[in-house]
N, C-alpha and C. Protein backbone atom coordinates (compact mmCIF):
# COMPACT_ATOMS: atom_id res chain seq x y z
N MET A 1 -26.84 -31.30 17.15
CA MET A 1 -26.53 -30.51 15.95
C MET A 1 -27.44 -30.97 14.80
N PRO A 2 -28.16 -30.05 14.11
CA PRO A 2 -29.08 -30.45 13.05
C PRO A 2 -28.32 -31.05 11.88
N ARG A 3 -28.95 -32.05 11.24
CA ARG A 3 -28.34 -32.71 10.10
C ARG A 3 -28.75 -32.00 8.80
N ILE A 4 -27.83 -31.97 7.83
CA ILE A 4 -28.09 -31.37 6.51
C ILE A 4 -28.38 -32.49 5.54
N SER A 5 -29.50 -32.37 4.83
CA SER A 5 -29.85 -33.41 3.88
C SER A 5 -28.85 -33.47 2.75
N ALA A 6 -28.79 -34.64 2.07
CA ALA A 6 -27.83 -34.82 0.98
C ALA A 6 -28.07 -33.83 -0.15
N GLY A 7 -29.35 -33.52 -0.45
CA GLY A 7 -29.67 -32.59 -1.52
C GLY A 7 -29.18 -31.20 -1.23
N ILE A 8 -29.42 -30.73 0.00
CA ILE A 8 -28.97 -29.39 0.39
C ILE A 8 -27.45 -29.34 0.41
N PHE A 9 -26.83 -30.43 0.87
CA PHE A 9 -25.37 -30.49 0.94
C PHE A 9 -24.76 -30.35 -0.46
N ARG A 10 -25.36 -31.08 -1.45
CA ARG A 10 -24.86 -30.98 -2.82
C ARG A 10 -25.05 -29.57 -3.37
N LEU A 11 -26.18 -28.92 -3.01
CA LEU A 11 -26.43 -27.55 -3.46
C LEU A 11 -25.41 -26.59 -2.88
N LEU A 12 -25.07 -26.77 -1.60
CA LEU A 12 -24.07 -25.90 -0.98
C LEU A 12 -22.71 -26.07 -1.64
N LEU A 13 -22.36 -27.33 -1.96
CA LEU A 13 -21.10 -27.57 -2.64
C LEU A 13 -21.07 -26.92 -4.01
N LEU A 14 -22.19 -26.99 -4.73
CA LEU A 14 -22.27 -26.39 -6.06
C LEU A 14 -22.13 -24.89 -5.99
N CYS A 15 -22.80 -24.27 -5.01
CA CYS A 15 -22.73 -22.81 -4.87
C CYS A 15 -21.32 -22.36 -4.52
N SER A 16 -20.67 -23.13 -3.64
CA SER A 16 -19.32 -22.74 -3.23
C SER A 16 -18.31 -22.94 -4.35
N ALA A 17 -18.65 -23.80 -5.31
CA ALA A 17 -17.72 -24.07 -6.41
C ALA A 17 -17.84 -23.07 -7.54
N VAL A 18 -18.94 -22.29 -7.55
CA VAL A 18 -19.14 -21.31 -8.61
C VAL A 18 -18.32 -20.05 -8.33
N PRO A 19 -17.36 -19.70 -9.18
CA PRO A 19 -16.53 -18.53 -8.91
C PRO A 19 -17.33 -17.23 -9.06
N ALA A 20 -16.92 -16.22 -8.31
CA ALA A 20 -17.56 -14.91 -8.44
C ALA A 20 -17.27 -14.36 -9.84
N VAL A 21 -18.31 -13.81 -10.47
CA VAL A 21 -18.14 -13.26 -11.81
C VAL A 21 -17.41 -11.92 -11.71
N ALA A 22 -16.33 -11.80 -12.47
CA ALA A 22 -15.54 -10.57 -12.45
C ALA A 22 -15.02 -10.28 -13.84
N GLY A 23 -14.82 -9.02 -14.13
CA GLY A 23 -14.36 -8.61 -15.45
C GLY A 23 -13.04 -7.88 -15.41
N THR A 24 -12.71 -7.23 -16.52
CA THR A 24 -11.47 -6.47 -16.66
C THR A 24 -11.80 -5.09 -17.21
N ILE A 25 -11.15 -4.08 -16.66
CA ILE A 25 -11.23 -2.73 -17.21
C ILE A 25 -9.85 -2.37 -17.73
N SER A 26 -9.77 -2.10 -19.03
CA SER A 26 -8.50 -1.77 -19.66
C SER A 26 -8.57 -0.36 -20.24
N VAL A 27 -7.58 0.45 -19.94
CA VAL A 27 -7.54 1.84 -20.39
C VAL A 27 -6.37 2.04 -21.35
N GLN A 28 -6.66 2.60 -22.51
CA GLN A 28 -5.63 2.99 -23.48
C GLN A 28 -5.57 4.51 -23.52
N ALA A 29 -4.47 5.09 -23.07
CA ALA A 29 -4.31 6.54 -23.05
C ALA A 29 -3.45 6.97 -24.23
N MET A 30 -3.94 7.97 -24.97
CA MET A 30 -3.25 8.43 -26.17
C MET A 30 -3.01 9.94 -26.07
N LEU A 31 -1.85 10.37 -26.54
CA LEU A 31 -1.56 11.79 -26.65
C LEU A 31 -2.33 12.40 -27.81
N ALA A 32 -2.31 13.70 -27.90
CA ALA A 32 -3.04 14.37 -28.97
C ALA A 32 -2.50 14.00 -30.36
N ASN A 33 -1.23 13.61 -30.44
CA ASN A 33 -0.63 13.22 -31.72
C ASN A 33 -0.79 11.73 -32.00
N HIS A 34 -1.64 11.07 -31.20
CA HIS A 34 -1.96 9.65 -31.37
C HIS A 34 -0.84 8.71 -30.89
N GLU A 35 0.19 9.27 -30.24
CA GLU A 35 1.22 8.43 -29.65
C GLU A 35 0.74 7.93 -28.28
N PRO A 36 1.26 6.79 -27.80
CA PRO A 36 0.87 6.30 -26.48
C PRO A 36 1.23 7.30 -25.38
N PHE A 37 0.37 7.41 -24.40
CA PHE A 37 0.59 8.31 -23.27
C PHE A 37 1.09 7.48 -22.09
N ALA A 38 2.41 7.39 -21.95
CA ALA A 38 3.02 6.60 -20.88
C ALA A 38 3.08 7.40 -19.59
N GLY A 39 2.91 6.70 -18.46
CA GLY A 39 3.08 7.34 -17.16
C GLY A 39 1.88 8.09 -16.63
N ALA A 40 0.75 8.05 -17.34
CA ALA A 40 -0.46 8.72 -16.85
C ALA A 40 -1.05 7.94 -15.67
N VAL A 41 -1.59 8.66 -14.71
CA VAL A 41 -2.22 8.04 -13.54
C VAL A 41 -3.68 7.71 -13.87
N VAL A 42 -4.06 6.45 -13.65
CA VAL A 42 -5.44 6.02 -13.86
C VAL A 42 -6.03 5.60 -12.52
N THR A 43 -7.22 6.12 -12.21
CA THR A 43 -7.94 5.69 -11.01
C THR A 43 -9.32 5.19 -11.42
N VAL A 44 -9.76 4.11 -10.78
CA VAL A 44 -11.07 3.52 -11.05
C VAL A 44 -11.81 3.43 -9.73
N SER A 45 -12.86 4.24 -9.59
CA SER A 45 -13.62 4.31 -8.34
C SER A 45 -14.96 3.61 -8.50
N ALA A 46 -15.32 2.80 -7.52
CA ALA A 46 -16.59 2.10 -7.55
C ALA A 46 -17.70 3.04 -7.11
N ALA A 47 -18.86 2.95 -7.78
CA ALA A 47 -20.01 3.77 -7.40
C ALA A 47 -20.57 3.31 -6.07
N ALA A 48 -20.55 2.00 -5.81
CA ALA A 48 -21.06 1.44 -4.57
C ALA A 48 -20.00 1.50 -3.48
N THR A 49 -20.44 1.42 -2.24
CA THR A 49 -19.51 1.40 -1.12
C THR A 49 -18.62 0.17 -1.20
N HIS A 50 -17.36 0.34 -0.93
CA HIS A 50 -16.44 -0.78 -1.00
C HIS A 50 -15.45 -0.69 0.16
N ALA A 51 -14.84 -1.80 0.47
CA ALA A 51 -13.83 -1.81 1.53
C ALA A 51 -12.62 -1.00 1.07
N PRO A 52 -12.04 -0.21 1.96
CA PRO A 52 -10.87 0.59 1.56
C PRO A 52 -9.71 -0.30 1.16
N VAL A 53 -8.91 0.19 0.22
CA VAL A 53 -7.72 -0.53 -0.20
C VAL A 53 -6.67 -0.43 0.92
N ALA A 54 -6.01 -1.52 1.19
CA ALA A 54 -5.02 -1.54 2.26
C ALA A 54 -3.87 -0.58 1.97
N PRO A 55 -3.43 0.18 2.96
CA PRO A 55 -2.31 1.10 2.75
C PRO A 55 -1.02 0.34 2.47
N VAL A 56 -0.06 1.04 1.87
CA VAL A 56 1.22 0.44 1.52
C VAL A 56 2.35 1.30 2.08
N SER A 57 3.55 0.75 2.04
CA SER A 57 4.76 1.49 2.40
C SER A 57 5.54 1.71 1.11
N ALA A 58 5.72 2.96 0.72
CA ALA A 58 6.37 3.28 -0.54
C ALA A 58 7.67 4.06 -0.30
N ILE A 59 8.47 4.19 -1.34
CA ILE A 59 9.74 4.91 -1.25
C ILE A 59 9.86 5.87 -2.43
N VAL A 60 10.22 7.10 -2.14
CA VAL A 60 10.61 8.07 -3.17
C VAL A 60 12.03 8.49 -2.84
N ASP A 61 12.96 8.04 -3.64
CA ASP A 61 14.38 8.33 -3.39
C ASP A 61 14.76 9.65 -4.07
N GLN A 62 15.98 10.10 -3.78
CA GLN A 62 16.53 11.29 -4.41
C GLN A 62 17.87 10.90 -5.01
N ILE A 63 17.91 10.88 -6.35
CA ILE A 63 19.08 10.41 -7.08
C ILE A 63 19.38 11.39 -8.20
N ASN A 64 20.64 11.82 -8.29
CA ASN A 64 21.06 12.75 -9.35
C ASN A 64 20.18 14.00 -9.38
N LEU A 65 19.91 14.55 -8.20
CA LEU A 65 19.11 15.77 -8.05
C LEU A 65 17.71 15.61 -8.65
N ALA A 66 17.10 14.46 -8.41
CA ALA A 66 15.76 14.20 -8.93
C ALA A 66 15.03 13.23 -8.00
N PHE A 67 13.70 13.34 -7.96
CA PHE A 67 12.88 12.37 -7.25
C PHE A 67 12.72 11.13 -8.11
N VAL A 68 12.92 9.97 -7.52
CA VAL A 68 12.84 8.71 -8.24
C VAL A 68 12.00 7.71 -7.43
N PRO A 69 10.81 7.32 -7.98
CA PRO A 69 10.19 7.83 -9.21
C PRO A 69 9.63 9.22 -9.00
N ASP A 70 9.32 9.91 -10.08
CA ASP A 70 8.82 11.28 -9.97
C ASP A 70 7.34 11.34 -9.65
N ILE A 71 6.61 10.26 -9.94
CA ILE A 71 5.18 10.18 -9.62
C ILE A 71 4.89 8.80 -9.04
N ILE A 72 4.22 8.75 -7.89
CA ILE A 72 3.73 7.48 -7.36
C ILE A 72 2.26 7.64 -7.00
N VAL A 73 1.55 6.50 -6.98
CA VAL A 73 0.14 6.47 -6.61
C VAL A 73 0.00 5.51 -5.43
N VAL A 74 -0.59 5.99 -4.34
CA VAL A 74 -0.73 5.16 -3.13
C VAL A 74 -2.14 5.33 -2.58
N PRO A 75 -2.67 4.29 -1.91
CA PRO A 75 -3.98 4.43 -1.27
C PRO A 75 -3.90 5.28 -0.01
N VAL A 76 -5.03 5.84 0.37
CA VAL A 76 -5.12 6.65 1.60
C VAL A 76 -4.64 5.80 2.79
N GLY A 77 -3.88 6.43 3.67
CA GLY A 77 -3.36 5.73 4.84
C GLY A 77 -1.96 5.20 4.66
N SER A 78 -1.40 5.35 3.46
CA SER A 78 -0.07 4.82 3.17
C SER A 78 1.02 5.72 3.76
N THR A 79 2.22 5.16 3.84
CA THR A 79 3.38 5.92 4.28
C THR A 79 4.41 5.93 3.15
N VAL A 80 5.18 7.01 3.09
CA VAL A 80 6.22 7.14 2.07
C VAL A 80 7.52 7.54 2.76
N GLU A 81 8.57 6.82 2.43
CA GLU A 81 9.90 7.10 2.96
C GLU A 81 10.68 7.88 1.91
N PHE A 82 11.48 8.85 2.36
CA PHE A 82 12.22 9.73 1.45
C PHE A 82 13.72 9.64 1.72
N PRO A 83 14.36 8.54 1.38
CA PRO A 83 15.82 8.49 1.53
C PRO A 83 16.49 9.42 0.54
N ASN A 84 17.71 9.82 0.86
CA ASN A 84 18.49 10.68 -0.03
C ASN A 84 19.75 9.91 -0.42
N SER A 85 19.76 9.37 -1.63
CA SER A 85 20.92 8.61 -2.11
C SER A 85 21.95 9.50 -2.80
N ASP A 86 21.68 10.80 -2.86
CA ASP A 86 22.65 11.72 -3.45
C ASP A 86 23.81 11.97 -2.49
N SER A 87 24.89 12.48 -3.02
CA SER A 87 26.04 12.84 -2.18
C SER A 87 25.87 14.24 -1.59
N VAL A 88 24.84 14.96 -2.04
CA VAL A 88 24.55 16.30 -1.51
C VAL A 88 23.28 16.24 -0.67
N SER A 89 23.08 17.24 0.17
CA SER A 89 21.92 17.28 1.04
C SER A 89 20.71 17.85 0.31
N HIS A 90 19.52 17.41 0.73
CA HIS A 90 18.26 17.93 0.23
C HIS A 90 17.37 18.32 1.39
N GLN A 91 16.43 19.20 1.11
CA GLN A 91 15.43 19.60 2.11
C GLN A 91 14.06 19.51 1.46
N ILE A 92 13.37 18.41 1.71
CA ILE A 92 12.12 18.10 1.02
C ILE A 92 10.95 18.78 1.72
N TYR A 93 9.99 19.23 0.90
CA TYR A 93 8.81 19.89 1.47
C TYR A 93 7.60 19.69 0.57
N SER A 94 6.43 19.93 1.14
CA SER A 94 5.18 20.01 0.39
C SER A 94 4.31 21.07 1.02
N PHE A 95 3.80 21.98 0.20
CA PHE A 95 2.83 22.97 0.65
C PHE A 95 1.42 22.61 0.21
N SER A 96 1.25 21.41 -0.34
CA SER A 96 -0.06 20.99 -0.85
C SER A 96 -1.05 20.81 0.29
N PRO A 97 -2.31 21.26 0.12
CA PRO A 97 -3.32 21.09 1.18
C PRO A 97 -3.53 19.64 1.57
N THR A 98 -3.33 18.71 0.64
CA THR A 98 -3.51 17.29 0.96
C THR A 98 -2.55 16.84 2.04
N LYS A 99 -1.32 17.33 2.00
CA LYS A 99 -0.32 17.00 3.03
C LYS A 99 0.78 18.04 3.01
N ARG A 100 0.88 18.78 4.12
CA ARG A 100 1.95 19.75 4.29
C ARG A 100 3.00 19.14 5.21
N PHE A 101 4.26 19.18 4.78
CA PHE A 101 5.33 18.67 5.65
C PHE A 101 6.66 19.21 5.14
N GLN A 102 7.67 19.07 5.98
CA GLN A 102 9.02 19.48 5.60
C GLN A 102 10.03 18.58 6.30
N LEU A 103 11.02 18.13 5.54
CA LEU A 103 12.11 17.34 6.09
C LEU A 103 13.37 18.18 5.98
N PRO A 104 13.81 18.80 7.08
CA PRO A 104 14.96 19.70 7.03
C PRO A 104 16.20 19.03 6.45
N LEU A 105 17.14 19.87 6.09
CA LEU A 105 18.34 19.50 5.34
C LEU A 105 18.94 18.17 5.83
N TYR A 106 19.11 17.24 4.87
CA TYR A 106 19.64 15.92 5.25
C TYR A 106 20.17 15.18 4.03
N HIS A 107 20.93 14.13 4.29
CA HIS A 107 21.24 13.11 3.28
C HIS A 107 21.25 11.77 4.00
N GLY A 108 21.18 10.69 3.25
CA GLY A 108 21.00 9.39 3.88
C GLY A 108 19.52 9.13 4.13
N LYS A 109 19.21 8.58 5.32
CA LYS A 109 17.82 8.23 5.65
C LYS A 109 17.55 8.55 7.12
N PRO A 110 17.51 9.85 7.47
CA PRO A 110 17.38 10.18 8.90
C PRO A 110 15.96 10.31 9.42
N TYR A 111 14.95 10.39 8.55
CA TYR A 111 13.59 10.69 8.99
C TYR A 111 12.66 9.49 8.87
N PRO A 112 11.68 9.37 9.76
CA PRO A 112 10.70 8.30 9.63
C PRO A 112 9.79 8.55 8.43
N PRO A 113 9.08 7.52 7.95
CA PRO A 113 8.17 7.70 6.81
C PRO A 113 7.09 8.73 7.12
N VAL A 114 6.60 9.39 6.07
CA VAL A 114 5.53 10.38 6.18
C VAL A 114 4.20 9.68 5.92
N HIS A 115 3.20 9.96 6.74
CA HIS A 115 1.88 9.33 6.65
C HIS A 115 0.96 10.20 5.80
N PHE A 116 0.29 9.60 4.81
CA PHE A 116 -0.62 10.34 3.93
C PHE A 116 -2.04 9.82 4.17
N ASP A 117 -2.83 10.62 4.90
CA ASP A 117 -4.14 10.16 5.37
C ASP A 117 -5.31 10.87 4.69
N GLN A 118 -5.04 11.57 3.61
CA GLN A 118 -6.09 12.30 2.90
C GLN A 118 -5.88 12.17 1.40
N ALA A 119 -6.98 11.95 0.66
CA ALA A 119 -6.89 11.80 -0.79
C ALA A 119 -6.58 13.14 -1.46
N GLY A 120 -5.76 13.11 -2.49
CA GLY A 120 -5.42 14.32 -3.23
C GLY A 120 -4.04 14.19 -3.84
N VAL A 121 -3.59 15.26 -4.48
CA VAL A 121 -2.26 15.28 -5.11
C VAL A 121 -1.31 16.08 -4.23
N VAL A 122 -0.17 15.51 -3.96
CA VAL A 122 0.87 16.17 -3.16
C VAL A 122 2.04 16.48 -4.08
N THR A 123 2.39 17.76 -4.17
CA THR A 123 3.54 18.18 -4.98
C THR A 123 4.76 18.30 -4.09
N LEU A 124 5.84 17.62 -4.49
CA LEU A 124 7.08 17.63 -3.72
C LEU A 124 8.08 18.60 -4.32
N GLY A 125 8.84 19.25 -3.46
CA GLY A 125 9.91 20.13 -3.91
C GLY A 125 11.10 20.03 -2.99
N CYS A 126 12.19 20.68 -3.38
CA CYS A 126 13.39 20.75 -2.55
C CYS A 126 13.78 22.21 -2.38
N ASN A 127 13.96 22.63 -1.13
CA ASN A 127 14.31 24.02 -0.87
C ASN A 127 15.69 24.38 -1.37
N ILE A 128 16.52 23.37 -1.62
CA ILE A 128 17.89 23.63 -2.06
C ILE A 128 18.01 23.59 -3.57
N HIS A 129 17.22 22.71 -4.21
CA HIS A 129 17.31 22.53 -5.66
C HIS A 129 15.92 22.74 -6.26
N ASP A 130 15.70 23.92 -6.81
CA ASP A 130 14.37 24.32 -7.27
C ASP A 130 13.85 23.46 -8.42
N ARG A 131 14.75 22.85 -9.18
CA ARG A 131 14.31 22.07 -10.34
C ARG A 131 13.78 20.69 -9.96
N MET A 132 13.93 20.30 -8.72
CA MET A 132 13.42 19.00 -8.28
C MET A 132 11.91 19.09 -8.02
N VAL A 133 11.13 18.32 -8.76
CA VAL A 133 9.67 18.28 -8.59
C VAL A 133 9.21 16.83 -8.66
N GLY A 134 8.34 16.46 -7.73
CA GLY A 134 7.76 15.12 -7.75
C GLY A 134 6.32 15.18 -7.30
N TYR A 135 5.60 14.07 -7.46
CA TYR A 135 4.17 14.05 -7.13
C TYR A 135 3.79 12.74 -6.46
N ILE A 136 2.96 12.85 -5.44
CA ILE A 136 2.35 11.68 -4.81
C ILE A 136 0.84 11.82 -4.97
N VAL A 137 0.23 10.88 -5.66
CA VAL A 137 -1.22 10.86 -5.81
C VAL A 137 -1.78 9.91 -4.75
N VAL A 138 -2.48 10.48 -3.78
CA VAL A 138 -3.08 9.69 -2.71
C VAL A 138 -4.55 9.48 -3.07
N THR A 139 -4.96 8.24 -3.18
CA THR A 139 -6.30 7.97 -3.72
C THR A 139 -7.11 7.04 -2.83
N ASP A 140 -8.43 7.23 -2.87
CA ASP A 140 -9.35 6.30 -2.22
C ASP A 140 -10.08 5.45 -3.26
N ALA A 141 -9.55 5.43 -4.49
CA ALA A 141 -10.15 4.64 -5.56
C ALA A 141 -9.97 3.15 -5.30
N THR A 142 -10.83 2.36 -5.90
CA THR A 142 -10.77 0.91 -5.75
C THR A 142 -9.58 0.32 -6.47
N TYR A 143 -9.28 0.84 -7.66
CA TYR A 143 -8.15 0.38 -8.46
C TYR A 143 -7.39 1.60 -8.96
N PHE A 144 -6.09 1.46 -9.13
CA PHE A 144 -5.28 2.60 -9.58
C PHE A 144 -3.94 2.11 -10.09
N GLY A 145 -3.28 2.96 -10.87
CA GLY A 145 -1.96 2.64 -11.39
C GLY A 145 -1.54 3.65 -12.43
N ARG A 146 -0.48 3.33 -13.19
CA ARG A 146 0.03 4.20 -14.23
C ARG A 146 0.14 3.43 -15.53
N THR A 147 -0.09 4.13 -16.62
CA THR A 147 -0.01 3.49 -17.94
C THR A 147 1.44 3.11 -18.26
N ASP A 148 1.58 2.02 -19.00
CA ASP A 148 2.91 1.54 -19.37
C ASP A 148 3.41 2.26 -20.62
N ALA A 149 4.50 1.77 -21.20
CA ALA A 149 5.11 2.41 -22.35
C ALA A 149 4.17 2.43 -23.56
N ARG A 150 3.18 1.52 -23.56
CA ARG A 150 2.21 1.48 -24.65
C ARG A 150 0.99 2.34 -24.35
N GLY A 151 1.00 3.01 -23.20
CA GLY A 151 -0.15 3.83 -22.80
C GLY A 151 -1.29 3.00 -22.25
N ILE A 152 -1.02 1.79 -21.79
CA ILE A 152 -2.07 0.87 -21.36
C ILE A 152 -1.96 0.58 -19.87
N TRP A 153 -3.10 0.51 -19.21
CA TRP A 153 -3.21 0.05 -17.82
C TRP A 153 -4.49 -0.75 -17.69
N SER A 154 -4.46 -1.82 -16.91
CA SER A 154 -5.63 -2.68 -16.75
C SER A 154 -5.86 -3.05 -15.30
N ALA A 155 -7.13 -3.21 -14.95
CA ALA A 155 -7.53 -3.76 -13.66
C ALA A 155 -8.27 -5.06 -13.92
N THR A 156 -7.86 -6.14 -13.25
CA THR A 156 -8.48 -7.44 -13.44
C THR A 156 -9.30 -7.83 -12.21
N ASN A 157 -10.11 -8.87 -12.37
CA ASN A 157 -10.96 -9.36 -11.27
C ASN A 157 -11.85 -8.25 -10.71
N VAL A 158 -12.42 -7.46 -11.60
CA VAL A 158 -13.30 -6.36 -11.21
C VAL A 158 -14.73 -6.90 -11.05
N PRO A 159 -15.31 -6.82 -9.85
CA PRO A 159 -16.68 -7.32 -9.65
C PRO A 159 -17.70 -6.52 -10.44
N ARG A 160 -18.89 -7.12 -10.59
CA ARG A 160 -19.98 -6.40 -11.25
C ARG A 160 -20.24 -5.08 -10.55
N GLY A 161 -20.56 -4.07 -11.36
CA GLY A 161 -20.85 -2.77 -10.78
C GLY A 161 -20.52 -1.65 -11.74
N THR A 162 -20.78 -0.43 -11.28
CA THR A 162 -20.50 0.77 -12.07
C THR A 162 -19.26 1.45 -11.51
N TYR A 163 -18.40 1.90 -12.41
CA TYR A 163 -17.13 2.48 -12.00
C TYR A 163 -16.86 3.78 -12.75
N HIS A 164 -16.14 4.67 -12.07
CA HIS A 164 -15.75 5.95 -12.67
C HIS A 164 -14.25 5.92 -12.91
N VAL A 165 -13.85 6.11 -14.17
CA VAL A 165 -12.44 6.04 -14.57
C VAL A 165 -11.93 7.45 -14.84
N SER A 166 -10.79 7.79 -14.23
CA SER A 166 -10.21 9.12 -14.41
C SER A 166 -8.74 9.02 -14.80
N LEU A 167 -8.29 10.00 -15.57
CA LEU A 167 -6.90 10.07 -16.01
C LEU A 167 -6.29 11.36 -15.48
N TRP A 168 -5.03 11.28 -14.98
CA TRP A 168 -4.36 12.47 -14.44
C TRP A 168 -2.88 12.43 -14.76
N HIS A 169 -2.32 13.61 -14.96
CA HIS A 169 -0.88 13.77 -15.12
C HIS A 169 -0.56 15.24 -14.87
N PRO A 170 0.58 15.55 -14.27
CA PRO A 170 0.87 16.96 -13.94
C PRO A 170 1.02 17.87 -15.15
N LEU A 171 1.26 17.32 -16.34
CA LEU A 171 1.46 18.15 -17.52
C LEU A 171 0.23 18.25 -18.41
N LEU A 172 -0.90 17.79 -17.93
CA LEU A 172 -2.12 17.84 -18.72
C LEU A 172 -2.61 19.27 -18.91
N ARG A 173 -3.04 19.58 -20.12
CA ARG A 173 -3.79 20.80 -20.37
C ARG A 173 -5.29 20.50 -20.30
N ASP A 174 -5.67 19.32 -20.74
CA ASP A 174 -7.07 18.91 -20.70
C ASP A 174 -7.51 18.76 -19.25
N THR A 175 -8.76 19.09 -18.99
CA THR A 175 -9.31 18.93 -17.65
C THR A 175 -10.76 18.46 -17.75
N GLY A 176 -11.27 18.01 -16.61
CA GLY A 176 -12.70 17.74 -16.51
C GLY A 176 -13.16 16.49 -17.22
N ALA A 177 -14.38 16.57 -17.76
CA ALA A 177 -15.08 15.40 -18.28
C ALA A 177 -14.36 14.71 -19.42
N SER A 178 -13.52 15.43 -20.16
CA SER A 178 -12.84 14.81 -21.30
C SER A 178 -11.90 13.70 -20.87
N LEU A 179 -11.50 13.70 -19.61
CA LEU A 179 -10.58 12.68 -19.11
C LEU A 179 -11.28 11.64 -18.24
N ASP A 180 -12.59 11.72 -18.11
CA ASP A 180 -13.35 10.82 -17.25
C ASP A 180 -14.28 9.94 -18.07
N ARG A 181 -14.49 8.73 -17.57
CA ARG A 181 -15.42 7.80 -18.20
C ARG A 181 -16.16 7.03 -17.11
N ASP A 182 -17.43 6.72 -17.38
CA ASP A 182 -18.19 5.81 -16.53
C ASP A 182 -18.34 4.49 -17.27
N VAL A 183 -18.15 3.38 -16.57
CA VAL A 183 -18.23 2.08 -17.20
C VAL A 183 -18.92 1.10 -16.26
N SER A 184 -19.72 0.20 -16.84
CA SER A 184 -20.42 -0.82 -16.06
C SER A 184 -19.87 -2.19 -16.41
N VAL A 185 -19.51 -2.94 -15.39
CA VAL A 185 -19.07 -4.32 -15.55
C VAL A 185 -20.25 -5.20 -15.18
N THR A 186 -20.71 -5.99 -16.12
CA THR A 186 -21.91 -6.81 -15.90
C THR A 186 -21.62 -8.30 -15.83
N GLY A 187 -20.39 -8.68 -16.08
CA GLY A 187 -20.07 -10.10 -16.04
C GLY A 187 -18.61 -10.34 -16.32
N ASP A 188 -18.29 -11.55 -16.78
CA ASP A 188 -16.93 -11.93 -17.10
C ASP A 188 -16.60 -11.37 -18.49
N GLU A 189 -16.18 -10.11 -18.52
CA GLU A 189 -16.00 -9.40 -19.77
C GLU A 189 -14.85 -8.44 -19.65
N SER A 190 -14.43 -7.91 -20.78
CA SER A 190 -13.37 -6.91 -20.79
C SER A 190 -13.94 -5.60 -21.32
N LYS A 191 -13.82 -4.57 -20.53
CA LYS A 191 -14.25 -3.24 -20.93
C LYS A 191 -13.02 -2.44 -21.35
N ASN A 192 -12.97 -2.08 -22.63
CA ASN A 192 -11.82 -1.35 -23.16
C ASN A 192 -12.18 0.12 -23.35
N ILE A 193 -11.40 0.97 -22.74
CA ILE A 193 -11.66 2.41 -22.78
C ILE A 193 -10.46 3.11 -23.41
N THR A 194 -10.72 3.99 -24.36
CA THR A 194 -9.66 4.80 -24.97
C THR A 194 -9.87 6.25 -24.58
N VAL A 195 -8.83 6.85 -24.04
CA VAL A 195 -8.87 8.27 -23.69
C VAL A 195 -7.77 8.97 -24.49
N GLN A 196 -8.17 9.87 -25.38
CA GLN A 196 -7.20 10.60 -26.19
C GLN A 196 -7.25 12.08 -25.83
N LEU A 197 -6.08 12.66 -25.61
CA LEU A 197 -6.01 14.07 -25.25
C LEU A 197 -6.39 14.94 -26.45
N ALA A 198 -7.07 16.03 -26.17
CA ALA A 198 -7.42 16.98 -27.22
C ALA A 198 -6.29 17.98 -27.44
N GLN A 199 -5.43 18.14 -26.44
CA GLN A 199 -4.34 19.10 -26.53
C GLN A 199 -3.02 18.43 -26.17
N ALA A 200 -1.93 19.01 -26.66
CA ALA A 200 -0.61 18.50 -26.32
C ALA A 200 -0.32 18.76 -24.85
N LEU A 201 0.57 17.97 -24.27
CA LEU A 201 0.99 18.19 -22.90
C LEU A 201 1.73 19.52 -22.77
N ARG A 202 1.67 20.10 -21.58
CA ARG A 202 2.48 21.28 -21.31
C ARG A 202 3.96 20.88 -21.33
N PRO A 203 4.85 21.80 -21.65
CA PRO A 203 6.29 21.47 -21.61
C PRO A 203 6.70 21.06 -20.20
N ALA A 204 7.55 20.06 -20.11
CA ALA A 204 8.04 19.62 -18.81
C ALA A 204 8.93 20.70 -18.22
N PRO A 205 8.88 20.87 -16.89
CA PRO A 205 9.77 21.86 -16.27
C PRO A 205 11.23 21.46 -16.49
N LEU A 206 12.10 22.44 -16.51
CA LEU A 206 13.52 22.19 -16.73
C LEU A 206 14.05 21.27 -15.64
N GLN A 207 14.68 20.19 -16.07
CA GLN A 207 15.20 19.22 -15.13
C GLN A 207 16.69 19.01 -15.35
N ALA A 208 17.38 18.67 -14.24
CA ALA A 208 18.81 18.40 -14.35
C ALA A 208 19.07 17.06 -15.03
N THR A 209 18.11 16.14 -14.94
CA THR A 209 18.30 14.81 -15.50
C THR A 209 16.95 14.14 -15.69
N ALA A 210 16.90 13.08 -16.48
CA ALA A 210 15.67 12.29 -16.60
C ALA A 210 15.35 11.70 -15.24
N ARG A 211 14.07 11.73 -14.84
CA ARG A 211 13.76 11.44 -13.46
C ARG A 211 13.04 10.13 -13.21
N SER A 212 12.52 9.48 -14.21
CA SER A 212 11.73 8.30 -13.89
C SER A 212 11.75 7.29 -15.01
N ARG A 213 11.18 6.14 -14.72
CA ARG A 213 11.09 5.08 -15.72
C ARG A 213 10.12 5.48 -16.82
N ASP A 214 9.16 6.35 -16.53
CA ASP A 214 8.15 6.75 -17.51
C ASP A 214 8.48 8.17 -17.97
N GLN A 215 8.86 8.30 -19.20
CA GLN A 215 9.22 9.61 -19.71
C GLN A 215 7.97 10.33 -20.24
N TYR A 216 7.95 11.67 -20.13
CA TYR A 216 6.80 12.44 -20.57
C TYR A 216 6.71 12.43 -22.09
């Protein structure tokens, strides 16, 4: 076995001790009236090829005639379980091209999780209760999440590179480039992005009850 000189050995130790340089991307989402935009979906896609994000197992329950939570974001390949915690039966469906499926009339937890293998937005409905609406955002982005009550979402430990940041919500009137940003991370830094809507949100559809932790 070849021997490593002391100088090379010290160099290898030094290189291994140097942490990878990574930054932070922080998004501040604002409504047209300058109030924080809570619950908006943020996706950050790397321009360069990257390893896919590992799929997850998520749950969308049905409580008080509503989907809870009403919006979730999952990576491609994830599964979602749809238990029914209501005392009445529901019949869940999606006609969205991203994923078409139907869970016939049930309550409790009789069906296996649904697999989401294509990126896009899936709109959920109930054949029995028309006012029930929910959304699953299936993404192949490197980083993703939803803004908090202050309208803020952040991604940490972001490697150097160029990224495309997008904002989405089912009640948006704004579309296209006004909600997108390109940002470059060049080192151990924080990139702060503010996205303010030019128009007010569309009125929320009539609901039987408040449906999620993030109110529109």
